[in-house]
Amino acid sequence: MERTQWIVIMILTGLLAAVGAGLLAHAGGVTVPMAILTGGGAFLGTDTLFLGLLHYGSGGPT
């Protein structure tokens, strides 16, 4: 697959993690703004991990 396709998959997976984390946080009694921040943190963490794995897998400098 091309790099662009991998990035699209990573972004969609990050969005799925963000929505899941935000919904779980809100269901746990957190306010809506805090649930949005929780989802944003999940998105950032997921995509940072995936971008690091993509860089490592592409044989970039270590």
N, C-alpha and C. Protein backbone atom coordinates (compact mmCIF):
# COMPACT_ATOMS: atom_id res chain seq x y z
N MET A 1 0.85 -1.19 0.00
CA MET A 1 0.00 0.00 0.00
C MET A 1 0.89 1.25 0.00
N GLU A 2 0.32 2.31 -0.52
CA GLU A 2 1.04 3.57 -0.55
C GLU A 2 1.02 4.23 0.82
N ARG A 3 1.94 5.15 1.01
CA ARG A 3 2.04 5.86 2.28
C ARG A 3 0.76 6.65 2.58
N THR A 4 0.15 7.22 1.54
CA THR A 4 -1.08 7.98 1.74
C THR A 4 -2.19 7.10 2.28
N GLN A 5 -2.30 5.89 1.78
CA GLN A 5 -3.32 4.97 2.27
C GLN A 5 -3.08 4.61 3.73
N TRP A 6 -1.82 4.41 4.10
CA TRP A 6 -1.50 4.11 5.50
C TRP A 6 -1.87 5.28 6.41
N ILE A 7 -1.60 6.49 5.94
CA ILE A 7 -1.92 7.67 6.76
C ILE A 7 -3.43 7.80 6.94
N VAL A 8 -4.20 7.53 5.90
CA VAL A 8 -5.66 7.58 6.01
C VAL A 8 -6.14 6.53 7.01
N ILE A 9 -5.59 5.33 6.95
CA ILE A 9 -5.96 4.28 7.91
C ILE A 9 -5.61 4.71 9.33
N MET A 10 -4.44 5.32 9.50
CA MET A 10 -4.03 5.76 10.84
C MET A 10 -4.96 6.85 11.37
N ILE A 11 -5.34 7.79 10.52
CA ILE A 11 -6.23 8.87 10.97
C ILE A 11 -7.60 8.32 11.33
N LEU A 12 -8.12 7.41 10.52
CA LEU A 12 -9.43 6.82 10.83
C LEU A 12 -9.39 6.00 12.12
N THR A 13 -8.30 5.27 12.34
CA THR A 13 -8.16 4.51 13.57
C THR A 13 -8.05 5.45 14.77
N GLY A 14 -7.33 6.54 14.60
CA GLY A 14 -7.23 7.54 15.67
C GLY A 14 -8.57 8.17 15.98
N LEU A 15 -9.36 8.43 14.94
CA LEU A 15 -10.69 8.98 15.17
C LEU A 15 -11.59 7.98 15.89
N LEU A 16 -11.48 6.72 15.53
CA LEU A 16 -12.26 5.69 16.22
C LEU A 16 -11.87 5.61 17.70
N ALA A 17 -10.59 5.66 17.98
CA ALA A 17 -10.14 5.65 19.37
C ALA A 17 -10.61 6.90 20.12
N ALA A 18 -10.57 8.04 19.44
CA ALA A 18 -11.00 9.29 20.07
C ALA A 18 -12.49 9.28 20.40
N VAL A 19 -13.30 8.83 19.46
CA VAL A 19 -14.74 8.78 19.70
C VAL A 19 -15.04 7.80 20.83
N GLY A 20 -14.40 6.64 20.80
CA GLY A 20 -14.61 5.65 21.86
C GLY A 20 -14.22 6.18 23.23
N ALA A 21 -13.07 6.83 23.31
CA ALA A 21 -12.61 7.37 24.59
C ALA A 21 -13.53 8.49 25.07
N GLY A 22 -13.94 9.35 24.15
CA GLY A 22 -14.83 10.44 24.54
C GLY A 22 -16.19 9.95 25.02
N LEU A 23 -16.74 8.96 24.32
CA LEU A 23 -18.03 8.41 24.74
C LEU A 23 -17.92 7.68 26.08
N LEU A 24 -16.86 6.92 26.26
CA LEU A 24 -16.67 6.24 27.54
C LEU A 24 -16.48 7.23 28.69
N ALA A 25 -15.74 8.29 28.42
CA ALA A 25 -15.54 9.30 29.46
C ALA A 25 -16.86 9.97 29.82
N HIS A 26 -17.65 10.31 28.81
CA HIS A 26 -18.94 10.96 29.08
C HIS A 26 -19.90 10.01 29.78
N ALA A 27 -19.87 8.74 29.38
CA ALA A 27 -20.73 7.76 30.05
C ALA A 27 -20.31 7.54 31.49
N GLY A 28 -19.06 7.81 31.79
CA GLY A 28 -18.55 7.66 33.15
C GLY A 28 -18.85 8.86 34.03
N GLY A 29 -19.53 9.86 33.50
CA GLY A 29 -19.93 10.99 34.32
C GLY A 29 -19.09 12.24 34.13
N VAL A 30 -18.20 12.25 33.17
CA VAL A 30 -17.37 13.43 32.91
C VAL A 30 -18.18 14.42 32.09
N THR A 31 -17.92 15.70 32.27
CA THR A 31 -18.63 16.71 31.50
C THR A 31 -18.24 16.62 30.03
N VAL A 32 -19.06 17.21 29.17
CA VAL A 32 -18.82 17.13 27.72
C VAL A 32 -17.48 17.76 27.32
N PRO A 33 -17.13 18.96 27.83
CA PRO A 33 -15.81 19.50 27.44
C PRO A 33 -14.64 18.60 27.86
N MET A 34 -14.73 17.98 29.02
CA MET A 34 -13.66 17.09 29.44
C MET A 34 -13.64 15.81 28.61
N ALA A 35 -14.81 15.34 28.19
CA ALA A 35 -14.87 14.16 27.33
C ALA A 35 -14.25 14.47 25.97
N ILE A 36 -14.46 15.69 25.47
CA ILE A 36 -13.84 16.08 24.20
C ILE A 36 -12.33 16.13 24.34
N LEU A 37 -11.84 16.66 25.45
CA LEU A 37 -10.39 16.68 25.69
C LEU A 37 -9.83 15.27 25.82
N THR A 38 -10.58 14.38 26.44
CA THR A 38 -10.16 12.99 26.55
C THR A 38 -10.05 12.35 25.17
N GLY A 39 -11.03 12.60 24.32
CA GLY A 39 -10.98 12.09 22.96
C GLY A 39 -9.82 12.66 22.16
N GLY A 40 -9.56 13.94 22.36
CA GLY A 40 -8.42 14.56 21.68
C GLY A 40 -7.09 13.96 22.11
N GLY A 41 -6.97 13.68 23.40
CA GLY A 41 -5.76 13.02 23.89
C GLY A 41 -5.60 11.62 23.33
N ALA A 42 -6.70 10.91 23.21
CA ALA A 42 -6.64 9.56 22.63
C ALA A 42 -6.25 9.62 21.16
N PHE A 43 -6.79 10.60 20.43
CA PHE A 43 -6.44 10.76 19.02
C PHE A 43 -4.95 11.08 18.87
N LEU A 44 -4.48 12.02 19.67
CA LEU A 44 -3.08 12.43 19.59
C LEU A 44 -2.16 11.26 19.92
N GLY A 45 -2.47 10.53 20.98
CA GLY A 45 -1.64 9.40 21.36
C GLY A 45 -1.64 8.29 20.33
N THR A 46 -2.80 7.98 19.78
CA THR A 46 -2.90 6.92 18.77
C THR A 46 -2.15 7.29 17.51
N ASP A 47 -2.35 8.50 17.02
CA ASP A 47 -1.70 8.88 15.77
C ASP A 47 -0.20 9.08 15.95
N THR A 48 0.25 9.54 17.11
CA THR A 48 1.68 9.64 17.36
C THR A 48 2.33 8.26 17.34
N LEU A 49 1.68 7.29 17.96
CA LEU A 49 2.20 5.93 17.95
C LEU A 49 2.26 5.39 16.53
N PHE A 50 1.19 5.56 15.76
CA PHE A 50 1.15 5.03 14.41
C PHE A 50 2.16 5.73 13.49
N LEU A 51 2.33 7.04 13.64
CA LEU A 51 3.33 7.73 12.82
C LEU A 51 4.73 7.26 13.15
N GLY A 52 4.99 7.00 14.43
CA GLY A 52 6.28 6.44 14.81
C GLY A 52 6.51 5.07 14.23
N LEU A 53 5.47 4.24 14.24
CA LEU A 53 5.58 2.91 13.65
C LEU A 53 5.77 2.98 12.13
N LEU A 54 5.08 3.92 11.48
CA LEU A 54 5.25 4.10 10.04
C LEU A 54 6.67 4.53 9.72
N HIS A 55 7.21 5.45 10.50
CA HIS A 55 8.58 5.91 10.29
C HIS A 55 9.57 4.77 10.51
N TYR A 56 9.35 3.99 11.55
CA TYR A 56 10.23 2.85 11.84
C TYR A 56 10.13 1.80 10.73
N GLY A 57 8.93 1.52 10.30
CA GLY A 57 8.72 0.51 9.27
C GLY A 57 9.23 0.91 7.90
N SER A 58 9.33 2.21 7.65
CA SER A 58 9.81 2.66 6.34
C SER A 58 11.33 2.70 6.26
N GLY A 59 11.99 2.32 7.35
CA GLY A 59 13.46 2.29 7.34
C GLY A 59 14.09 3.65 7.51
N GLY A 60 13.40 4.55 8.19
CA GLY A 60 13.95 5.88 8.43
C GLY A 60 15.14 5.82 9.38
N PRO A 61 15.81 6.93 9.55
CA PRO A 61 16.97 6.96 10.45
C PRO A 61 16.57 6.65 11.89
N THR A 62 17.40 5.92 12.56
CA THR A 62 17.09 5.54 13.95
C THR A 62 17.92 6.33 14.91
